[in-house]
């Protein structure tokens, strides 16, 4: 079959999208006078603004008599689910590595997934034109990485190309030749990547990418495993457990030709196509002939590590910018997002008041929030929380362990090690990376998810109780402390449940009863007044006000009580003493109210004041 399916995988900012641009240009996909934007595959507005790839996208080029389907993938660890789900569409992978930085955490993650399903990689050392390039050392690091990931003998015998995607050339040597352009890479893809493996039987295809089109409706992209498909053909959709989801007819079959999609009259097994006409089928479902009863197996996706609560915006500025503010609209939008993004997990809270959204990292959730904001949604979100897992064998709680890789100058390495040690990180490797720089590798389980450079989810390990005093207090009071709390929740109970308004407001407090109950009798002064029970709230509200402004406050003592003129002053002094954690002087409580200066009335002599 004159067809090749290949994916480009690498760490962030190693040149994947730029390489796809050069392959499209030098394959004759564009006219000579056609104006093409830079990073043509990044068609999303957020992708262009941030300069990153968020969604996996496919394109097709024609090289001689071979058609090559190319899938561009994201490089951030937060969007690793996009890489995991498209690997079942391709038969080979281009592992792109920076000639100066070498393999980084996301390189390790995507390579491990590719090797696990048996793909034979092609290693491309990019950016050899950098002044600090070290291609020989990088190749040795890549080989060590493959060996550490238990690659087979066939996978360890990977071909190597050197070049610069920005300058538009590839060669078998770092020195060139540079006049052949991308021809060595095209020839290597055709020679090394195997043709698609076709299975016997009727039409079957597993959904990989879900899109929405205003004219065609739901569009599902995937690779046909067996059989062929034509427009207006009857198909059915099976879930992963074999249940029937829907049946219907296909209205369109689209194939990639360059960056555009072209309607086809018939698509055969092995090709990557997009189908339209169904209303319920989604990612990881099997689209097949009505005679098929067994679904295709889908690749498992790693679990999420960070969660946030999406709540209706009830701040004073609600409704000033967006028009989609109800909980029903927010819920429907999140459910639609969870259908197409397999790395997200959306669960409705028990009180039906919020939606719990879990993802791979804060960047993934931030992209979702910004996308919804641009669509006209207004909502409030909580602070990110780390997702814990319970080990079924031992019953112990497990937390995500991150692998952090930092390249730093030698003279600053001591400060970096100190800062990472303060974050409870464990250094597992320190070696020179060229140019008087050191590469430090840490394993870290931080209670608060941060945006550290070069970090990716590594594994789950037993949870360490960083601040044990709150569970101990709960046990002393005879209550079940529940799953381990995070350090941020224990140290700052007044802020652990703080909500921030996506539209315009700042953080505001929210009820966090678990954190408050553990602090009863311990440090209640630090809790926010809104977090206190209603019977304890009146005294706090009264005490922080001036005694002359307490009249009429619900349940508060009246400072203007004629029977006790010193009452308001004692309340005010008690509040001042409580701020400093000092005991209230009993003598000060009994001190009479000082007399005010009296002015002589008219006709009683001079206007001087008398004490």
Protein backbone atom coordinates (compact mmCIF):
# COMPACT_ATOMS: atom_id res chain seq x y z
CA UNK A 1 0.00 0.00 0.00
CA UNK A 2 1.37 3.41 -1.01
CA UNK A 3 0.55 4.95 2.36
CA UNK A 4 2.48 5.82 5.52
CA UNK A 5 1.10 7.06 8.85
CA UNK A 6 3.59 8.79 11.15
CA UNK A 7 3.39 10.97 14.28
CA UNK A 8 5.86 13.61 15.44
CA UNK A 9 6.46 13.45 19.19
CA UNK A 10 8.84 15.49 21.33
CA UNK A 11 9.19 17.74 24.34
CA UNK A 12 7.73 21.24 24.20
CA UNK A 13 9.54 23.76 21.98
CA UNK A 14 11.76 21.23 20.23
CA UNK A 15 10.43 22.16 16.77
CA UNK A 16 7.60 19.75 15.89
CA UNK A 17 5.21 22.25 14.27
CA UNK A 18 8.07 23.99 12.43
CA UNK A 19 9.16 20.63 11.01
CA UNK A 20 5.62 19.98 9.73
CA UNK A 21 5.69 23.40 8.01
CA UNK A 22 8.88 22.49 6.13
CA UNK A 23 7.52 19.08 5.14
CA UNK A 24 4.38 20.71 3.71
CA UNK A 25 6.36 23.35 1.84
CA UNK A 26 8.97 21.06 0.30
CA UNK A 27 6.49 18.34 -0.70
CA UNK A 28 4.70 20.68 -3.11
CA UNK A 29 1.54 20.99 -1.02
CA UNK A 30 1.53 24.80 -1.36
CA UNK A 31 1.82 26.82 -4.54
CA UNK A 32 4.96 28.84 -5.06
CA UNK A 33 3.04 32.12 -4.76
CA UNK A 34 0.75 30.93 -1.96
CA UNK A 35 0.97 32.89 1.26
CA UNK A 36 1.29 30.52 4.20
CA UNK A 37 1.31 31.59 7.83
CA UNK A 38 4.02 30.42 10.19
CA UNK A 39 3.12 27.28 12.18
CA UNK A 40 0.21 26.47 9.91
CA UNK A 41 -0.85 23.50 12.04
CA UNK A 42 -1.52 25.75 15.05
CA UNK A 43 -4.90 26.94 13.81
CA UNK A 44 -6.43 27.60 17.24
CA UNK A 45 -6.42 31.22 18.49
CA UNK A 46 -5.02 30.21 21.85
CA UNK A 47 -2.30 28.18 20.16
CA UNK A 48 -1.17 31.18 18.12
CA UNK A 49 -1.29 33.55 21.09
CA UNK A 50 0.68 31.27 23.40
CA UNK A 51 2.96 29.79 20.76
CA UNK A 52 2.21 26.19 21.79
CA UNK A 53 0.35 23.21 20.36
CA UNK A 54 -2.73 22.25 22.37
CA UNK A 55 -4.65 19.85 20.12
CA UNK A 56 -3.35 16.98 18.01
CA UNK A 57 -3.99 17.59 14.30
CA UNK A 58 -3.44 15.61 11.12
CA UNK A 59 -2.20 16.61 7.66
CA UNK A 60 -1.18 14.76 4.51
CA UNK A 61 1.67 15.21 2.01
CA UNK A 62 2.47 13.50 -1.27
CA UNK A 63 6.06 12.37 -1.77
CA UNK A 64 6.62 10.83 -5.19
CA UNK A 65 3.99 8.05 -5.36
CA UNK A 66 3.63 7.68 -1.56
CA UNK A 67 1.07 9.57 0.51
CA UNK A 68 2.25 10.32 4.05
CA UNK A 69 -0.26 11.15 6.81
CA UNK A 70 1.45 13.28 9.48
CA UNK A 71 0.03 13.86 12.97
CA UNK A 72 1.35 16.84 14.93
CA UNK A 73 1.14 16.43 18.71
CA UNK A 74 1.43 18.76 21.75
CA UNK A 75 4.64 18.89 23.74
CA UNK A 76 3.40 19.93 27.18
CA UNK A 77 2.87 17.26 29.81
CA UNK A 78 -0.58 18.67 30.57
CA UNK A 79 -1.74 17.65 27.07
CA UNK A 80 -0.19 14.18 27.17
CA UNK A 81 -3.62 12.63 26.67
CA UNK A 82 -3.64 14.02 23.13
CA UNK A 83 -0.45 12.08 22.40
CA UNK A 84 -1.63 8.85 24.02
CA UNK A 85 -4.86 8.61 22.04
CA UNK A 86 -3.37 9.30 18.56
CA UNK A 87 -0.60 6.70 18.79
CA UNK A 88 -3.04 3.98 17.73
CA UNK A 89 -3.54 5.80 14.39
CA UNK A 90 0.10 5.67 13.24
CA UNK A 91 2.66 3.03 12.35
CA UNK A 92 5.80 5.04 13.09
CA UNK A 93 7.02 8.00 15.11
CA UNK A 94 9.55 10.78 14.59
CA UNK A 95 11.20 11.43 17.96
CA UNK A 96 12.41 15.02 17.76
CA UNK A 97 15.20 16.00 20.19
CA UNK A 98 16.86 19.37 20.67
CA UNK A 99 20.59 19.19 19.88
CA UNK A 100 21.43 21.31 22.95
CA UNK A 101 18.83 20.33 25.55
CA UNK A 102 18.67 16.63 24.81
CA UNK A 103 15.81 14.36 25.92
CA UNK A 104 13.60 16.00 28.55
CA UNK A 105 10.71 14.66 30.70
CA UNK A 106 8.02 14.84 28.02
CA UNK A 107 10.40 13.10 25.59
CA UNK A 108 10.62 10.24 28.07
CA UNK A 109 6.84 10.14 28.52
CA UNK A 110 5.89 10.02 24.83
CA UNK A 111 8.71 7.65 23.89
CA UNK A 112 7.63 5.21 26.60
CA UNK A 113 4.07 5.20 25.19
CA UNK A 114 5.34 4.71 21.62
CA UNK A 115 7.68 1.88 22.57
CA UNK A 116 4.98 0.17 24.61
CA UNK A 117 2.68 -0.29 21.61
CA UNK A 118 5.57 -1.46 19.39
CA UNK A 119 6.25 1.56 17.16
CA UNK A 120 9.67 1.75 15.51
CA UNK A 121 10.95 5.30 16.03
CA UNK A 122 13.11 7.56 13.88
CA UNK A 123 15.33 9.88 15.94
CA UNK A 124 15.76 13.39 14.52
CA UNK A 125 18.31 15.67 16.19
CA UNK A 126 16.93 19.14 15.52
CA UNK A 127 18.49 22.61 15.97
CA UNK A 128 22.06 21.54 15.24
CA UNK A 129 22.69 25.15 14.15
CA UNK A 130 22.56 26.32 17.77
CA UNK A 131 25.91 27.54 19.11
CA UNK A 132 25.65 25.23 22.15
CA UNK A 133 24.61 22.15 20.14
CA UNK A 134 26.12 18.83 21.26
CA UNK A 135 24.62 16.21 18.91
CA UNK A 136 27.01 13.37 19.83
CA UNK A 137 26.25 13.56 23.56
CA UNK A 138 22.53 13.89 22.85
CA UNK A 139 22.53 10.70 20.76
CA UNK A 140 24.13 8.82 23.66
CA UNK A 141 21.48 10.22 26.02
CA UNK A 142 18.71 9.12 23.66
CA UNK A 143 20.15 5.60 23.46
CA UNK A 144 20.36 5.43 27.27
CA UNK A 145 16.74 6.58 27.46
CA UNK A 146 15.59 3.87 25.06
CA UNK A 147 17.52 1.24 27.02
CA UNK A 148 16.02 2.44 30.32
CA UNK A 149 12.52 2.13 28.82
CA UNK A 150 13.10 -1.53 27.92
CA UNK A 151 13.12 -1.02 24.15
CA UNK A 152 13.47 -4.13 22.00
CA UNK A 153 16.53 -4.86 19.89
CA UNK A 154 14.69 -3.74 16.79
CA UNK A 155 13.63 -0.47 18.44
CA UNK A 156 17.17 0.20 19.73
CA UNK A 157 18.46 -0.03 16.16
CA UNK A 158 16.84 3.31 15.30
CA UNK A 159 17.98 5.46 12.34
CA UNK A 160 19.29 8.97 13.05
CA UNK A 161 19.04 12.22 11.11
CA UNK A 162 20.52 15.62 11.93
CA UNK A 163 19.33 18.97 10.73
CA UNK A 164 17.51 22.22 11.34
CA UNK A 165 13.78 22.47 10.71
CA UNK A 166 14.00 26.26 10.78
CA UNK A 167 16.58 26.27 7.98
CA UNK A 168 14.77 23.45 6.17
CA UNK A 169 17.37 20.69 5.81
CA UNK A 170 18.08 17.18 7.14
CA UNK A 171 21.13 14.98 6.64
CA UNK A 172 22.83 11.90 8.03
CA UNK A 173 25.64 14.04 9.48
CA UNK A 174 25.48 17.22 11.61
CA UNK A 175 27.64 18.99 8.99
CA UNK A 176 25.29 18.35 6.08
CA UNK A 177 24.93 18.39 3.12
CA UNK A 178 22.29 21.11 3.41
CA UNK A 179 21.29 21.41 -0.25
CA UNK A 180 19.02 18.33 -0.25
CA UNK A 181 16.41 19.93 2.01
CA UNK A 182 13.94 17.48 3.56
CA UNK A 183 14.51 14.75 0.98
CA UNK A 184 16.56 12.50 3.34
CA UNK A 185 13.72 12.60 5.89
CA UNK A 186 11.04 11.75 3.32
CA UNK A 187 13.11 8.86 1.97
CA UNK A 188 13.75 7.55 5.48
CA UNK A 189 10.04 7.64 6.36
CA UNK A 190 9.15 5.70 3.23
CA UNK A 191 11.91 3.16 3.83
CA UNK A 192 11.69 2.68 7.62
CA UNK A 193 7.99 3.09 8.48
CA UNK A 194 5.92 0.06 7.59
CA UNK A 195 2.69 0.32 5.55
CA UNK A 196 -0.51 0.17 7.60
CA UNK A 197 -1.49 -3.25 8.83
CA UNK A 198 -4.92 -4.19 7.44
CA UNK A 199 -7.16 -6.65 9.24
CA UNK A 200 -9.70 -8.91 7.60
CA UNK A 201 -13.42 -8.31 8.02
CA UNK A 202 -16.03 -5.56 7.61
CA UNK A 203 -15.59 -1.88 8.36
CA UNK A 204 -14.19 -1.04 11.82
CA UNK A 205 -12.65 2.19 13.09
CA UNK A 206 -11.93 3.52 16.58
CA UNK A 207 -12.63 7.21 17.21
CA UNK A 208 -9.58 9.29 18.09
CA UNK A 209 -10.35 13.00 17.59
CA UNK A 210 -13.74 14.65 18.08
CA UNK A 211 -14.65 17.98 16.46
CA UNK A 212 -17.80 20.03 15.93
CA UNK A 213 -18.71 21.61 12.60
CA UNK A 214 -21.62 24.05 12.18
CA UNK A 215 -22.61 22.43 8.88
CA UNK A 216 -21.71 18.75 9.31
CA UNK A 217 -22.25 18.30 13.04
CA UNK A 218 -19.99 15.89 14.93
CA UNK A 219 -16.85 14.88 13.04
CA UNK A 220 -14.91 11.84 14.25
CA UNK A 221 -11.35 11.24 13.02
CA UNK A 222 -9.65 7.87 13.16
CA UNK A 223 -7.85 5.18 11.21
CA UNK A 224 -9.83 2.46 9.45
CA UNK A 225 -8.68 -0.90 10.83
CA UNK A 226 -10.51 -3.15 8.39
CA UNK A 227 -12.92 -3.03 5.48
CA UNK A 228 -13.99 0.06 3.56
CA UNK A 229 -16.59 2.78 3.94
CA UNK A 230 -18.75 4.81 1.56
CA UNK A 231 -21.07 7.78 2.06
CA UNK A 232 -24.64 6.95 3.06
CA UNK A 233 -23.52 3.58 4.43
CA UNK A 234 -25.24 2.21 7.52
CA UNK A 235 -22.96 1.95 10.58
CA UNK A 236 -23.34 1.51 14.32
CA UNK A 237 -21.34 2.70 17.34
CA UNK A 238 -20.19 0.39 20.14
CA UNK A 239 -18.82 1.47 23.51
CA UNK A 240 -15.70 -0.04 25.08
CA UNK A 241 -17.80 -2.67 26.89
CA UNK A 242 -19.70 -3.68 23.75
CA UNK A 243 -22.97 -1.79 24.35
CA UNK A 244 -24.77 -0.25 21.40
CA UNK A 245 -24.69 3.56 21.52
CA UNK A 246 -26.41 4.47 18.24
CA UNK A 247 -26.93 3.49 14.62
CA UNK A 248 -27.10 5.74 11.59
CA UNK A 249 -25.88 6.63 8.12
CA UNK A 250 -22.73 8.50 7.24
CA UNK A 251 -23.27 11.77 5.40
CA UNK A 252 -19.64 12.63 4.62
CA UNK A 253 -16.26 10.91 4.44
CA UNK A 254 -13.35 13.34 4.49
CA UNK A 255 -9.66 12.64 3.90
CA UNK A 256 -6.69 14.91 4.55
CA UNK A 257 -4.98 16.40 1.51
CA UNK A 258 -2.42 18.87 2.76
CA UNK A 259 -4.13 21.00 5.40
CA UNK A 260 -7.53 20.69 3.75
CA UNK A 261 -10.16 17.98 3.93
CA UNK A 262 -11.42 16.48 0.69
CA UNK A 263 -14.66 14.45 0.33
CA UNK A 264 -14.14 10.84 -0.74
CA UNK A 265 -16.42 8.39 -2.49
CA UNK A 266 -14.75 5.46 -0.75
CA UNK A 267 -12.11 5.07 1.97
CA UNK A 268 -10.11 1.89 2.49
CA UNK A 269 -8.47 0.25 5.47
CA UNK A 270 -5.26 1.87 6.72
CA UNK A 271 -6.20 5.43 5.83
CA UNK A 272 -6.89 8.22 8.35
CA UNK A 273 -10.30 9.73 7.60
CA UNK A 274 -12.99 11.85 9.26
CA UNK A 275 -16.65 10.78 9.18
CA UNK A 276 -19.81 12.83 9.81
CA UNK A 277 -23.48 12.02 10.27
CA UNK A 278 -23.65 10.52 13.76
CA UNK A 279 -24.79 12.36 16.88
CA UNK A 280 -23.59 10.35 19.89
CA UNK A 281 -20.38 8.55 18.95
CA UNK A 282 -17.28 9.96 20.60
CA UNK A 283 -13.61 9.27 21.31
CA UNK A 284 -12.63 5.65 22.17
CA UNK A 285 -15.90 4.29 20.68
CA UNK A 286 -15.84 1.74 17.84
CA UNK A 287 -17.54 2.74 14.57
CA UNK A 288 -18.29 -0.42 12.62
CA UNK A 289 -20.50 -2.33 10.25
CA UNK A 290 -23.87 -3.48 11.67
CA UNK A 291 -22.66 -7.09 11.61
CA UNK A 292 -19.74 -6.43 14.00
CA UNK A 293 -20.35 -7.35 17.66
CA UNK A 294 -16.88 -6.95 19.26
CA UNK A 295 -15.41 -3.44 19.80
CA UNK A 296 -11.79 -2.55 19.16
CA UNK A 297 -9.56 -2.18 22.25
CA UNK A 298 -8.66 1.42 23.11
CA UNK A 299 -5.33 2.52 24.57
CA UNK A 300 -5.57 3.28 28.32
CA UNK A 301 -5.09 6.90 29.37
CA UNK A 302 -3.16 7.94 32.47
CA UNK A 303 -5.36 9.30 35.29
CA UNK A 304 -5.60 13.04 36.06
CA UNK A 305 -3.51 14.63 38.81
CA UNK A 306 -5.16 18.03 39.54
CA UNK A 307 -8.82 18.96 40.09
CA UNK A 308 -10.80 22.19 40.39
CA UNK A 309 -14.42 23.01 41.20
CA UNK A 310 -16.42 24.96 38.60
CA UNK A 311 -19.22 26.92 40.29
CA UNK A 312 -21.80 29.47 39.20
CA UNK A 313 -20.50 33.03 39.39
CA UNK A 314 -22.40 34.63 42.28
CA UNK A 315 -20.10 37.61 42.81
CA UNK A 316 -21.42 41.20 42.71
CA UNK A 317 -20.04 41.54 39.16
CA UNK A 318 -21.92 38.52 37.81
CA UNK A 319 -23.46 38.99 34.38
CA UNK A 320 -21.43 42.07 33.41
CA UNK A 321 -19.51 40.41 30.56
CA UNK A 322 -20.89 36.95 29.72
CA UNK A 323 -24.38 35.74 28.98
CA UNK A 324 -23.95 32.05 29.89
CA UNK A 325 -24.08 32.08 33.65
CA UNK A 326 -26.45 29.29 34.74
CA UNK A 327 -25.30 25.99 36.21
CA UNK A 328 -27.09 24.04 33.47
CA UNK A 329 -25.12 25.79 30.72
CA UNK A 330 -21.83 25.27 32.55
CA UNK A 331 -22.63 21.61 33.13
CA UNK A 332 -23.55 20.93 29.49
CA UNK A 333 -20.40 22.66 28.25
CA UNK A 334 -18.13 20.66 30.56
CA UNK A 335 -19.82 17.40 29.60
CA UNK A 336 -19.24 18.16 25.91
CA UNK A 337 -15.59 18.89 26.65
CA UNK A 338 -15.19 15.60 28.50
CA UNK A 339 -16.53 13.70 25.48
CA UNK A 340 -13.74 14.87 23.19
CA UNK A 341 -10.93 15.22 25.73
CA UNK A 342 -10.23 11.83 27.24
CA UNK A 343 -7.65 13.28 29.67
CA UNK A 344 -10.37 15.30 31.46
CA UNK A 345 -12.70 13.84 34.06
CA UNK A 346 -15.90 15.75 34.90
CA UNK A 347 -18.02 14.71 37.89
CA UNK A 348 -21.05 16.49 39.28
CA UNK A 349 -20.90 17.26 42.99
CA UNK A 350 -23.29 15.57 45.38
CA UNK A 351 -25.04 18.85 46.20
CA UNK A 352 -25.59 19.56 42.46
CA UNK A 353 -24.04 22.98 43.05
CA UNK A 354 -20.65 22.54 41.37
CA UNK A 355 -18.76 20.43 38.85
CA UNK A 356 -15.51 18.70 39.76
CA UNK A 357 -13.11 18.89 36.77
CA UNK A 358 -9.88 16.88 36.92
CA UNK A 359 -7.02 17.12 34.44
CA UNK A 360 -3.30 16.59 33.92
CA UNK A 361 -2.22 20.01 35.20
CA UNK A 362 -3.07 23.63 35.81
CA UNK A 363 -2.22 24.62 32.22
CA UNK A 364 -4.81 22.24 30.79
CA UNK A 365 -7.49 23.57 33.14
CA UNK A 366 -6.45 27.18 32.44
CA UNK A 367 -6.85 26.60 28.70
CA UNK A 368 -10.34 25.18 29.31
CA UNK A 369 -11.33 28.16 31.48
CA UNK A 370 -10.05 30.68 28.94
CA UNK A 371 -11.86 28.88 26.11
CA UNK A 372 -15.13 28.98 28.03
CA UNK A 373 -14.63 32.64 28.88
CA UNK A 374 -14.24 33.51 25.20
CA UNK A 375 -17.41 31.59 24.45
CA UNK A 376 -19.36 33.85 26.81
CA UNK A 377 -19.34 31.80 30.01
CA UNK A 378 -19.02 33.29 33.46
CA UNK A 379 -18.10 31.03 36.35
CA UNK A 380 -16.13 30.77 39.57
CA UNK A 381 -13.36 28.24 40.10
CA UNK A 382 -11.68 26.95 43.24
CA UNK A 383 -8.00 26.59 43.91
CA UNK A 384 -6.34 23.54 42.29
CA UNK A 385 -6.24 20.42 44.42
CA UNK A 386 -4.04 17.38 43.98
CA UNK A 387 -5.93 14.18 43.13
CA UNK A 388 -5.15 11.30 45.47
CA UNK A 389 -5.58 7.63 44.68
CA UNK A 390 -6.19 4.72 47.03
CA UNK A 391 -4.09 1.64 46.56
CA UNK A 392 -6.45 -1.32 46.26
CA UNK A 393 -3.88 -3.76 47.61
CA UNK A 394 -2.75 -1.91 50.76
CA UNK A 395 -5.53 0.65 51.21
CA UNK A 396 -2.98 3.49 51.54
CA UNK A 397 -3.46 6.85 49.88
CA UNK A 398 -1.16 7.65 46.95
CA UNK A 399 -0.22 11.01 45.49
CA UNK A 400 1.32 11.96 42.11
CA UNK A 401 5.10 12.07 42.01
CA UNK A 402 6.55 14.52 39.47
CA UNK A 403 9.89 14.31 37.73
CA UNK A 404 11.51 17.73 37.43
CA UNK A 405 14.50 18.40 35.16
CA UNK A 406 16.36 21.71 35.59
CA UNK A 407 19.31 22.95 33.51
CA UNK A 408 21.22 25.61 35.42
CA UNK A 409 24.65 27.23 35.48
CA UNK A 410 27.07 25.54 37.85
CA UNK A 411 27.44 28.56 40.14
CA UNK A 412 23.67 28.64 40.75
CA UNK A 413 23.12 24.92 41.29
CA UNK A 414 23.38 25.18 45.07
CA UNK A 415 20.50 27.63 45.30
CA UNK A 416 18.33 25.46 43.06
CA UNK A 417 19.03 22.36 45.17
CA UNK A 418 18.15 24.32 48.33
CA UNK A 419 14.87 25.62 46.88
CA UNK A 420 13.85 22.18 45.65
CA UNK A 421 14.71 20.64 49.02
CA UNK A 422 12.35 23.12 50.65
CA UNK A 423 9.66 21.72 48.35
CA UNK A 424 10.31 18.19 49.66
CA UNK A 425 11.99 17.17 46.38
CA UNK A 426 14.50 14.34 46.18
CA UNK A 427 17.43 14.72 43.80
CA UNK A 428 18.11 11.52 41.89
CA UNK A 429 20.63 12.71 39.29
CA UNK A 430 23.12 15.53 38.74
CA UNK A 431 25.37 15.58 35.69
CA UNK A 432 26.95 18.14 33.34
CA UNK A 433 24.89 19.13 30.31
CA UNK A 434 27.53 21.14 28.39
CA UNK A 435 28.41 24.81 28.38
CA UNK A 436 29.32 24.93 32.13
CA UNK A 437 25.77 23.89 32.99
CA UNK A 438 24.40 21.14 35.20
CA UNK A 439 21.29 19.05 34.73
CA UNK A 440 19.45 18.33 37.96
CA UNK A 441 16.72 15.70 38.11
CA UNK A 442 14.32 15.63 41.07
CA UNK A 443 11.35 13.54 42.15
CA UNK A 444 8.82 15.72 43.87
CA UNK A 445 5.47 15.31 45.61
CA UNK A 446 4.35 18.86 46.38
CA UNK A 447 1.04 19.51 48.17
CA UNK A 448 0.40 22.45 45.85
CA UNK A 449 0.59 21.95 42.04
CA UNK A 450 3.08 24.48 40.69
CA UNK A 451 4.22 25.43 37.22
CA UNK A 452 7.81 24.26 37.32
CA UNK A 453 9.68 24.13 34.00
CA UNK A 454 10.42 20.70 32.62
CA UNK A 455 8.11 18.76 34.92
CA UNK A 456 5.84 15.88 34.05
CA UNK A 457 3.78 13.31 35.92
CA UNK A 458 6.03 10.40 36.81
CA UNK A 459 4.11 7.92 38.99
CA UNK A 460 1.96 7.59 42.12
CA UNK A 461 3.52 6.85 45.51
CA UNK A 462 2.37 6.54 49.11
CA UNK A 463 1.08 9.81 50.49
CA UNK A 464 3.24 11.50 53.12
CA UNK A 465 1.32 13.35 55.83
CA UNK A 466 3.09 16.71 55.70
CA UNK A 467 1.06 18.36 58.48
CA UNK A 468 -0.34 15.70 60.85
CA UNK A 469 -1.83 18.02 63.49
CA UNK A 470 -5.26 18.38 61.86
CA UNK A 471 -5.98 14.62 61.52
CA UNK A 472 -4.71 14.20 65.09
CA UNK A 473 -7.14 16.83 66.36
CA UNK A 474 -9.96 15.11 64.47
CA UNK A 475 -9.07 11.75 66.01
CA UNK A 476 -8.96 13.28 69.50
CA UNK A 477 -12.48 14.57 68.97
CA UNK A 478 -13.67 11.16 67.78
CA UNK A 479 -14.16 12.07 64.11
CA UNK A 480 -12.83 10.42 60.97
CA UNK A 481 -10.31 12.79 59.37
CA UNK A 482 -11.04 11.30 55.91
CA UNK A 483 -8.44 11.32 53.15
CA UNK A 484 -5.18 13.15 53.89
CA UNK A 485 -5.44 16.90 53.53
CA UNK A 486 -2.90 18.94 51.62
CA UNK A 487 -0.43 21.25 53.31
CA UNK A 488 -1.97 24.34 51.70
CA UNK A 489 -5.36 23.43 53.19
CA UNK A 490 -3.91 22.80 56.64
CA UNK A 491 -1.78 25.89 56.91
CA UNK A 492 -4.32 28.34 55.54
CA UNK A 493 -7.81 27.12 56.34
CA UNK A 494 -9.28 30.51 55.51
CA UNK A 495 -7.97 30.31 51.95
CA UNK A 496 -8.17 26.60 51.15
CA UNK A 497 -11.66 26.90 49.72
CA UNK A 498 -11.24 30.37 48.26
CA UNK A 499 -13.02 30.95 44.97
CA UNK A 500 -11.88 33.30 42.26
CA UNK A 501 -14.26 34.89 39.79
CA UNK A 502 -13.18 34.06 36.24
CA UNK A 503 -14.87 37.19 34.91
CA UNK A 504 -13.72 40.03 37.11
CA UNK A 505 -13.71 39.33 40.85
CA UNK A 506 -10.85 38.32 43.10
CA UNK A 507 -10.62 35.51 45.63
CA UNK A 508 -13.45 35.28 48.08
CA UNK A 509 -13.99 32.87 50.95
CA UNK A 510 -16.06 29.75 50.71
CA UNK A 511 -17.31 27.33 53.33
CA UNK A 512 -14.62 24.86 54.31
CA UNK A 513 -16.14 23.09 57.26
CA UNK A 514 -13.55 20.32 57.41
CA UNK A 515 -10.67 22.74 57.89
CA UNK A 516 -12.64 24.79 60.43
CA UNK A 517 -13.76 21.86 62.58
CA UNK A 518 -10.19 20.64 62.92
CA UNK A 519 -9.18 24.05 64.19
CA UNK A 520 -11.87 24.43 66.86
CA UNK A 521 -10.07 25.39 70.06
CA UNK A 522 -6.72 25.45 68.24
CA UNK A 523 -6.46 28.62 66.19
CA UNK A 524 -9.95 29.81 65.43
CA UNK A 525 -8.77 33.39 65.14
CA UNK A 526 -7.28 32.67 61.70
CA UNK A 527 -10.51 31.34 60.19
CA UNK A 528 -12.63 33.70 58.11
CA UNK A 529 -15.86 34.92 59.75
CA UNK A 530 -17.95 33.36 57.01
CA UNK A 531 -16.51 29.97 57.88
CA UNK A 532 -17.68 30.08 61.49
CA UNK A 533 -20.99 28.57 62.55
CA UNK A 534 -23.88 31.00 62.61
CA UNK A 535 -24.09 31.04 66.41
CA UNK A 536 -20.44 32.07 66.67
CA UNK A 537 -20.63 34.61 63.89
CA UNK A 538 -22.59 37.28 65.77
CA UNK A 539 -19.95 37.90 68.40
CA UNK A 540 -17.20 38.21 65.80
CA UNK A 541 -19.22 40.62 63.72
CA UNK A 542 -20.03 42.69 66.76
CA UNK A 543 -16.51 42.71 68.15
CA UNK A 544 -14.79 43.99 65.03
CA UNK A 545 -17.11 47.00 64.81
CA UNK A 546 -16.85 50.20 66.81
CA UNK A 547 -19.15 50.05 69.86
CA UNK A 548 -21.12 53.11 68.74
CA UNK A 549 -22.18 51.37 65.47
CA UNK A 550 -23.61 48.16 66.94
CA UNK A 551 -27.18 49.21 67.47
CA UNK A 552 -29.58 47.12 65.45
CA UNK A 553 -27.07 44.34 64.52
CA UNK A 554 -28.83 41.00 64.62
CA UNK A 555 -28.23 39.32 67.97
CA UNK A 556 -25.36 41.65 68.94
CA UNK A 557 -25.34 43.38 72.34
CA UNK A 558 -26.61 46.93 72.27
CA UNK A 559 -23.79 49.30 73.20
CA UNK A 560 -26.27 52.06 73.96
CA UNK A 561 -27.78 50.14 76.88
CA UNK A 562 -28.77 52.80 79.47
CA UNK A 563 -28.47 50.30 82.34
CA UNK A 564 -24.83 49.51 81.55
CA UNK A 565 -23.03 52.55 80.10
CA UNK A 566 -19.60 50.81 80.09
CA UNK A 567 -20.76 47.86 77.98
CA UNK A 568 -19.70 49.19 74.57
CA UNK A 569 -16.26 50.20 75.81
CA UNK A 570 -15.65 46.75 77.27
CA UNK A 571 -16.59 45.10 73.97
CA UNK A 572 -14.19 47.34 72.12
CA UNK A 573 -11.32 46.66 74.55
CA UNK A 574 -12.06 42.94 74.44
CA UNK A 575 -11.73 42.96 70.65
CA UNK A 576 -8.43 44.86 70.86
CA UNK A 577 -7.11 42.38 73.42
CA UNK A 578 -8.19 39.41 71.30
CA UNK A 579 -6.17 40.64 68.34
CA UNK A 580 -3.01 40.39 70.40
CA UNK A 581 -3.99 37.08 72.01
CA UNK A 582 -3.81 38.78 75.44
CA UNK A 583 -6.06 38.25 78.41
CA UNK A 584 -8.68 40.90 79.04
CA UNK A 585 -7.91 42.82 82.20
CA UNK A 586 -10.82 42.28 84.65
CA UNK A 587 -10.19 45.72 86.06
CA UNK A 588 -10.64 47.23 82.63
CA UNK A 589 -14.04 45.52 82.31
CA UNK A 590 -15.24 47.11 85.59
CA UNK A 591 -13.78 50.54 84.86
CA UNK A 592 -16.53 53.15 84.69
CA UNK A 593 -17.06 55.15 81.55
CA UNK A 594 -15.09 58.44 81.76
CA UNK A 595 -17.16 61.58 81.96
CA UNK A 596 -17.20 63.80 78.91
CA UNK A 597 -16.34 67.50 79.13
CA UNK A 598 -19.39 69.63 79.81
CA UNK A 599 -19.81 73.05 78.20
CA UNK A 600 -21.44 75.84 80.15
CA UNK A 601 -24.79 76.89 78.85
CA UNK A 602 -25.54 80.36 77.71
CA UNK A 603 -26.00 82.70 80.66
CA UNK A 604 -23.87 80.64 83.04
CA UNK A 605 -20.67 82.64 82.64
CA UNK A 606 -17.71 82.08 80.35
CA UNK A 607 -17.50 79.40 77.63
CA UNK A 608 -14.45 77.68 79.05
CA UNK A 609 -14.60 73.91 79.44
CA UNK A 610 -14.75 72.31 82.85
CA UNK A 611 -13.42 68.83 83.57
